[in-house]
Amino acid sequence: PRAIACGGMHSFVLCPKKWLKDDEVDKCMSCKSMFTFLNRRHHCRNCCGIFCNKCSQKKIAILALKLKTPQRVCEDCYTQLRSQNR
C-alpha cells in the first residue's frame, strides 16, 4: 500500500517495504544469533526484517498500515510505533 501524508512543515511518502525471504537471512538482524531448528525466524510486520523470538516478542498496532490488531514487531519498531500511537 502507498500513502501520502502532508501536514505543516512535514511531508512523507510511505512505500511498501520488501518482505525478506527466510533463506536471505541466516542470523537475527538485531542480536546476530544464528537461526536453527530451535531458534526460529520471525518477520517484523513493520520493517519486514527477520528476527529471533527474543528480539521480536512485542506486539503493537501498526496504524499507518491500518492494522489495529497488535502485530509482531522488532524492538526498534515497537519503540518507534509506541511513540507514534500516542
N, C-alpha and C. Protein backbone atom coordinates (compact mmCIF):
# COMPACT_ATOMS: atom_id res chain seq x y z
N PRO A 1 0.82 -1.19 0.00
CA PRO A 1 0.00 0.00 0.00
C PRO A 1 0.86 1.25 0.00
N ARG A 2 0.41 2.25 -0.71
CA ARG A 2 1.12 3.52 -0.73
C ARG A 2 0.25 4.56 -0.05
N ALA A 3 0.89 5.48 0.65
CA ALA A 3 0.15 6.54 1.31
C ALA A 3 0.97 7.81 1.26
N ILE A 4 0.30 8.91 1.15
CA ILE A 4 0.96 10.21 1.19
C ILE A 4 0.32 11.00 2.31
N ALA A 5 1.16 11.55 3.17
CA ALA A 5 0.66 12.35 4.28
C ALA A 5 1.34 13.70 4.24
N CYS A 6 0.57 14.74 4.31
CA CYS A 6 1.12 16.10 4.30
C CYS A 6 0.54 16.87 5.48
N GLY A 7 1.36 17.69 6.06
CA GLY A 7 0.87 18.49 7.16
C GLY A 7 1.96 19.38 7.70
N GLY A 8 1.64 20.62 7.90
CA GLY A 8 2.63 21.54 8.45
C GLY A 8 3.87 21.61 7.59
N MET A 9 5.01 21.51 8.23
CA MET A 9 6.27 21.57 7.51
C MET A 9 6.78 20.18 7.13
N HIS A 10 6.02 19.13 7.46
CA HIS A 10 6.49 17.76 7.25
C HIS A 10 5.64 17.04 6.22
N SER A 11 6.29 16.42 5.26
CA SER A 11 5.62 15.57 4.29
C SER A 11 6.44 14.31 4.13
N PHE A 12 5.76 13.18 3.89
CA PHE A 12 6.50 11.95 3.66
C PHE A 12 5.66 11.02 2.79
N VAL A 13 6.33 10.07 2.17
CA VAL A 13 5.66 9.05 1.37
C VAL A 13 5.98 7.71 2.01
N LEU A 14 4.96 6.90 2.26
CA LEU A 14 5.13 5.58 2.84
C LEU A 14 4.97 4.57 1.72
N CYS A 15 6.03 3.87 1.38
CA CYS A 15 6.01 2.87 0.33
C CYS A 15 6.17 1.49 0.96
N PRO A 16 5.66 0.47 0.30
CA PRO A 16 5.79 -0.87 0.88
C PRO A 16 7.26 -1.27 1.01
N LYS A 17 7.56 -1.95 2.10
CA LYS A 17 8.92 -2.44 2.33
C LYS A 17 9.02 -3.85 1.75
N LYS A 18 10.22 -4.25 1.41
CA LYS A 18 10.43 -5.58 0.84
C LYS A 18 10.42 -6.63 1.95
N TRP A 19 9.53 -7.60 1.83
CA TRP A 19 9.46 -8.71 2.76
C TRP A 19 10.62 -9.64 2.45
N LEU A 20 11.56 -9.78 3.38
CA LEU A 20 12.72 -10.64 3.16
C LEU A 20 12.31 -12.11 3.17
N LYS A 21 12.92 -12.88 2.29
CA LYS A 21 12.68 -14.33 2.27
C LYS A 21 13.51 -14.96 3.38
N ASP A 22 12.99 -16.04 3.95
CA ASP A 22 13.68 -16.71 5.06
C ASP A 22 15.11 -17.09 4.70
N ASP A 23 15.33 -17.56 3.48
CA ASP A 23 16.67 -18.03 3.10
C ASP A 23 17.65 -16.89 2.80
N GLU A 24 17.19 -15.64 2.85
CA GLU A 24 18.08 -14.50 2.64
C GLU A 24 18.83 -14.11 3.91
N VAL A 25 18.38 -14.59 5.06
CA VAL A 25 18.96 -14.18 6.34
C VAL A 25 19.26 -15.43 7.17
N ASP A 26 20.50 -15.55 7.65
CA ASP A 26 20.86 -16.73 8.44
C ASP A 26 21.04 -16.42 9.92
N LYS A 27 20.94 -15.12 10.29
CA LYS A 27 21.03 -14.75 11.71
C LYS A 27 20.12 -13.57 11.99
N CYS A 28 19.75 -13.44 13.24
CA CYS A 28 18.86 -12.36 13.69
C CYS A 28 19.44 -11.01 13.30
N MET A 29 18.61 -10.13 12.76
CA MET A 29 19.06 -8.82 12.33
C MET A 29 19.33 -7.88 13.51
N SER A 30 19.00 -8.31 14.72
CA SER A 30 19.26 -7.49 15.90
C SER A 30 20.42 -8.05 16.73
N CYS A 31 20.26 -9.24 17.28
CA CYS A 31 21.28 -9.80 18.18
C CYS A 31 22.31 -10.66 17.45
N LYS A 32 22.08 -10.93 16.18
CA LYS A 32 23.01 -11.70 15.33
C LYS A 32 23.11 -13.18 15.70
N SER A 33 22.17 -13.71 16.50
CA SER A 33 22.20 -15.14 16.81
C SER A 33 21.80 -15.93 15.56
N MET A 34 22.47 -17.05 15.35
CA MET A 34 22.22 -17.89 14.18
C MET A 34 20.85 -18.56 14.30
N PHE A 35 20.15 -18.68 13.18
CA PHE A 35 18.88 -19.38 13.17
C PHE A 35 19.15 -20.89 13.06
N THR A 36 18.38 -21.64 13.82
CA THR A 36 18.49 -23.09 13.85
C THR A 36 17.09 -23.67 13.85
N PHE A 37 17.01 -24.98 14.00
CA PHE A 37 15.71 -25.64 14.11
C PHE A 37 14.95 -25.12 15.32
N LEU A 38 15.67 -24.81 16.40
CA LEU A 38 15.03 -24.31 17.63
C LEU A 38 14.95 -22.79 17.70
N ASN A 39 15.92 -22.10 17.12
CA ASN A 39 15.92 -20.63 17.10
C ASN A 39 15.31 -20.18 15.76
N ARG A 40 14.01 -19.99 15.76
CA ARG A 40 13.25 -19.77 14.52
C ARG A 40 13.26 -18.31 14.07
N ARG A 41 12.97 -18.12 12.78
CA ARG A 41 12.87 -16.79 12.18
C ARG A 41 11.46 -16.23 12.37
N HIS A 42 11.39 -14.92 12.63
CA HIS A 42 10.10 -14.22 12.73
C HIS A 42 10.23 -12.90 12.01
N HIS A 43 9.26 -12.57 11.18
CA HIS A 43 9.26 -11.29 10.46
C HIS A 43 8.63 -10.20 11.31
N CYS A 44 9.28 -9.05 11.33
CA CYS A 44 8.67 -7.86 11.92
C CYS A 44 7.64 -7.37 10.91
N ARG A 45 6.42 -7.17 11.34
CA ARG A 45 5.35 -6.76 10.43
C ARG A 45 5.45 -5.29 10.03
N ASN A 46 6.36 -4.55 10.67
CA ASN A 46 6.52 -3.14 10.32
C ASN A 46 7.69 -2.93 9.36
N CYS A 47 8.88 -3.38 9.73
CA CYS A 47 10.06 -3.14 8.87
C CYS A 47 10.36 -4.30 7.94
N CYS A 48 9.69 -5.44 8.14
CA CYS A 48 9.86 -6.65 7.32
C CYS A 48 11.19 -7.34 7.54
N GLY A 49 11.95 -6.95 8.54
CA GLY A 49 13.19 -7.63 8.87
C GLY A 49 12.90 -8.97 9.52
N ILE A 50 13.96 -9.79 9.65
CA ILE A 50 13.82 -11.12 10.24
C ILE A 50 14.60 -11.17 11.54
N PHE A 51 13.91 -11.60 12.61
CA PHE A 51 14.47 -11.57 13.95
C PHE A 51 14.18 -12.88 14.68
N CYS A 52 14.96 -13.16 15.70
CA CYS A 52 14.69 -14.32 16.56
C CYS A 52 13.49 -13.99 17.45
N ASN A 53 12.98 -14.98 18.14
CA ASN A 53 11.82 -14.77 19.01
C ASN A 53 12.12 -13.75 20.11
N LYS A 54 13.32 -13.84 20.69
CA LYS A 54 13.70 -12.93 21.78
C LYS A 54 13.65 -11.46 21.33
N CYS A 55 14.05 -11.20 20.09
CA CYS A 55 14.12 -9.83 19.58
C CYS A 55 12.84 -9.37 18.89
N SER A 56 11.82 -10.22 18.87
CA SER A 56 10.56 -9.83 18.21
C SER A 56 9.35 -10.30 19.02
N GLN A 57 9.44 -10.21 20.32
CA GLN A 57 8.36 -10.68 21.19
C GLN A 57 7.21 -9.70 21.33
N LYS A 58 7.45 -8.43 21.10
CA LYS A 58 6.43 -7.43 21.35
C LYS A 58 5.41 -7.36 20.22
N LYS A 59 4.21 -6.94 20.57
CA LYS A 59 3.13 -6.76 19.59
C LYS A 59 2.50 -5.40 19.80
N ILE A 60 2.14 -4.76 18.68
CA ILE A 60 1.54 -3.43 18.73
C ILE A 60 0.76 -3.19 17.44
N ALA A 61 -0.25 -2.35 17.50
CA ALA A 61 -1.00 -1.97 16.30
C ALA A 61 -0.09 -1.14 15.39
N ILE A 62 -0.24 -1.33 14.09
CA ILE A 62 0.52 -0.54 13.12
C ILE A 62 -0.50 0.31 12.37
N LEU A 63 -0.82 1.46 12.95
CA LEU A 63 -1.91 2.30 12.44
C LEU A 63 -1.64 2.83 11.04
N ALA A 64 -0.38 3.09 10.69
CA ALA A 64 -0.05 3.59 9.35
C ALA A 64 -0.41 2.58 8.27
N LEU A 65 -0.42 1.29 8.63
CA LEU A 65 -0.81 0.24 7.69
C LEU A 65 -2.25 -0.23 7.92
N LYS A 66 -2.96 0.52 8.78
CA LYS A 66 -4.35 0.20 9.12
C LYS A 66 -4.51 -1.17 9.76
N LEU A 67 -3.49 -1.56 10.55
CA LEU A 67 -3.53 -2.83 11.28
C LEU A 67 -3.79 -2.52 12.74
N LYS A 68 -5.06 -2.62 13.14
CA LYS A 68 -5.45 -2.29 14.51
C LYS A 68 -5.20 -3.43 15.48
N THR A 69 -5.17 -4.66 14.97
CA THR A 69 -4.85 -5.81 15.80
C THR A 69 -3.34 -5.82 16.04
N PRO A 70 -2.90 -5.99 17.27
CA PRO A 70 -1.46 -5.99 17.54
C PRO A 70 -0.71 -7.01 16.68
N GLN A 71 0.40 -6.55 16.11
CA GLN A 71 1.23 -7.35 15.21
C GLN A 71 2.61 -7.57 15.83
N ARG A 72 3.26 -8.67 15.46
CA ARG A 72 4.63 -8.94 15.93
C ARG A 72 5.59 -7.94 15.31
N VAL A 73 6.38 -7.29 16.14
CA VAL A 73 7.35 -6.30 15.66
C VAL A 73 8.68 -6.47 16.39
N CYS A 74 9.74 -5.96 15.80
CA CYS A 74 11.05 -5.98 16.45
C CYS A 74 11.09 -4.88 17.52
N GLU A 75 12.12 -4.91 18.34
CA GLU A 75 12.25 -3.94 19.44
C GLU A 75 12.30 -2.50 18.93
N ASP A 76 13.08 -2.25 17.87
CA ASP A 76 13.20 -0.88 17.35
C ASP A 76 11.86 -0.36 16.84
N CYS A 77 11.16 -1.20 16.09
CA CYS A 77 9.86 -0.76 15.56
C CYS A 77 8.85 -0.57 16.68
N TYR A 78 8.90 -1.42 17.71
CA TYR A 78 7.99 -1.26 18.84
C TYR A 78 8.17 0.11 19.48
N THR A 79 9.42 0.48 19.72
CA THR A 79 9.71 1.79 20.33
C THR A 79 9.20 2.92 19.45
N GLN A 80 9.46 2.82 18.15
CA GLN A 80 9.03 3.85 17.21
C GLN A 80 7.50 3.93 17.13
N LEU A 81 6.84 2.78 16.99
CA LEU A 81 5.38 2.76 16.86
C LEU A 81 4.70 3.20 18.14
N ARG A 82 5.28 2.85 19.26
CA ARG A 82 4.69 3.24 20.55
C ARG A 82 4.61 4.76 20.67
N SER A 83 5.66 5.44 20.24
CA SER A 83 5.64 6.91 20.31
C SER A 83 4.68 7.49 19.27
N GLN A 84 4.53 6.84 18.12
CA GLN A 84 3.62 7.33 17.08
C GLN A 84 2.16 7.11 17.45
N ASN A 85 1.88 6.03 18.16
CA ASN A 85 0.49 5.68 18.50
C ASN A 85 -0.07 6.49 19.66
N ARG A 86 0.74 7.33 20.29
CA ARG A 86 0.26 8.12 21.42
C ARG A 86 -0.58 9.27 20.97
